[in-house]
Amino acid sequence: MTHRHITVNGRRVDRPSYRTRPGDVVAVAGRSRGLDPFVVAAAGANAPAGEPVPYLVADLSGLTVRVERQPERREIPVRCDEHLVVEYYSR
């Protein structure tokens, strides 16, 4: 899938690195809702296991997510040792 199927606050985004802010609504574009991956997602087949993230409010049936607030670093599930990245680029 590419980013052309996604909107933020009703406007198509033109890059995957688009930065959202609290209150923004990220959604699947209207014509894209019928595509197989999005139909499967709306049925909940790809729902993540475990606790939902506290900084997002998802509506699977509507294929939307609202950004409630900026996440704290400890809430972001990234497997990365930041100090190693800083060490590498500080050479």
Protein backbone atom coordinates (compact mmCIF):
# COMPACT_ATOMS: atom_id res chain seq x y z
CA MET A 1 0.00 0.00 0.00
CA THR A 2 1.11 3.49 -0.61
CA HIS A 3 0.33 6.72 1.12
CA ARG A 4 -2.01 7.91 -1.62
CA HIS A 5 -4.82 5.97 0.05
CA ILE A 6 -4.60 7.96 3.29
CA THR A 7 -6.06 11.31 4.32
CA VAL A 8 -5.38 13.56 7.28
CA ASN A 9 -8.28 15.80 8.28
CA GLY A 10 -9.97 15.03 4.96
CA ARG A 11 -7.00 15.98 2.77
CA ARG A 12 -4.84 13.45 0.96
CA VAL A 13 -1.29 13.33 2.19
CA ASP A 14 1.52 13.25 -0.34
CA ARG A 15 4.27 11.69 1.76
CA PRO A 16 4.50 8.80 4.23
CA SER A 17 6.48 10.95 6.68
CA TYR A 18 3.61 13.40 7.18
CA ARG A 19 3.71 14.72 10.75
CA THR A 20 0.42 14.60 12.61
CA ARG A 21 -0.65 16.70 15.58
CA PRO A 22 -3.08 16.11 18.44
CA GLY A 23 -6.63 16.31 17.12
CA ASP A 24 -5.76 15.13 13.60
CA VAL A 25 -7.89 12.40 12.07
CA VAL A 26 -6.10 9.91 9.84
CA ALA A 27 -8.40 7.92 7.55
CA VAL A 28 -8.51 5.71 4.51
CA ALA A 29 -9.62 7.71 1.46
CA GLY A 30 -13.18 7.07 0.29
CA ARG A 31 -12.44 5.27 -2.98
CA SER A 32 -9.75 3.15 -1.32
CA ARG A 33 -12.06 1.69 1.32
CA GLY A 34 -13.12 -1.10 -1.04
CA LEU A 35 -9.58 -2.40 -1.57
CA ASP A 36 -8.95 -5.84 -0.04
CA PRO A 37 -6.37 -4.82 2.59
CA PHE A 38 -8.70 -2.14 3.96
CA VAL A 39 -11.75 -4.42 3.94
CA VAL A 40 -9.76 -6.96 5.95
CA ALA A 41 -8.57 -4.25 8.36
CA ALA A 42 -12.14 -2.97 8.88
CA ALA A 43 -13.17 -6.51 9.83
CA GLY A 44 -10.53 -6.45 12.58
CA ALA A 45 -8.39 -9.24 11.15
CA ASN A 46 -5.19 -7.22 11.53
CA ALA A 47 -5.97 -5.74 14.93
CA PRO A 48 -2.85 -5.66 17.08
CA ALA A 49 -2.66 -7.97 20.06
CA GLY A 50 -2.18 -6.49 23.50
CA GLU A 51 -3.05 -3.11 24.90
CA PRO A 52 -4.21 -0.34 22.58
CA VAL A 53 -1.94 2.69 22.49
CA PRO A 54 -3.22 5.46 24.79
CA TYR A 55 -2.39 8.32 22.43
CA LEU A 56 -4.60 7.07 19.54
CA VAL A 57 -8.33 6.40 19.28
CA ALA A 58 -9.06 3.91 16.49
CA ASP A 59 -12.36 3.18 14.75
CA LEU A 60 -11.81 -0.02 12.76
CA SER A 61 -15.20 -0.01 11.09
CA GLY A 62 -14.73 3.59 9.95
CA LEU A 63 -11.04 3.04 9.10
CA THR A 64 -10.04 6.14 11.04
CA VAL A 65 -7.62 6.99 13.82
CA ARG A 66 -7.66 10.19 15.88
CA VAL A 67 -4.42 11.44 17.42
CA GLU A 68 -5.22 12.28 21.04
CA ARG A 69 -1.79 13.52 22.07
CA GLN A 70 1.90 13.20 21.28
CA PRO A 71 3.22 9.87 22.56
CA GLU A 72 5.84 9.68 25.26
CA ARG A 73 9.05 7.90 24.26
CA ARG A 74 8.33 4.91 26.51
CA GLU A 75 5.01 4.36 24.70
CA ILE A 76 6.55 3.96 21.25
CA PRO A 77 7.22 0.28 20.47
CA VAL A 78 10.53 0.70 18.64
CA ARG A 79 13.31 -1.83 19.02
CA CYS A 80 16.26 0.50 18.89
CA ASP A 81 19.09 1.52 21.17
CA GLU A 82 19.16 5.28 20.65
CA HIS A 83 22.57 5.63 22.24
CA LEU A 84 24.03 3.32 19.57
CA VAL A 85 22.54 5.47 16.81
CA VAL A 86 23.95 8.63 18.37
CA GLU A 87 27.30 6.91 18.85
CA TYR A 88 27.39 5.81 15.21
CA TYR A 89 26.58 9.26 13.77
CA SER A 90 28.89 11.12 16.15
CA ARG A 91 31.96 9.52 14.57
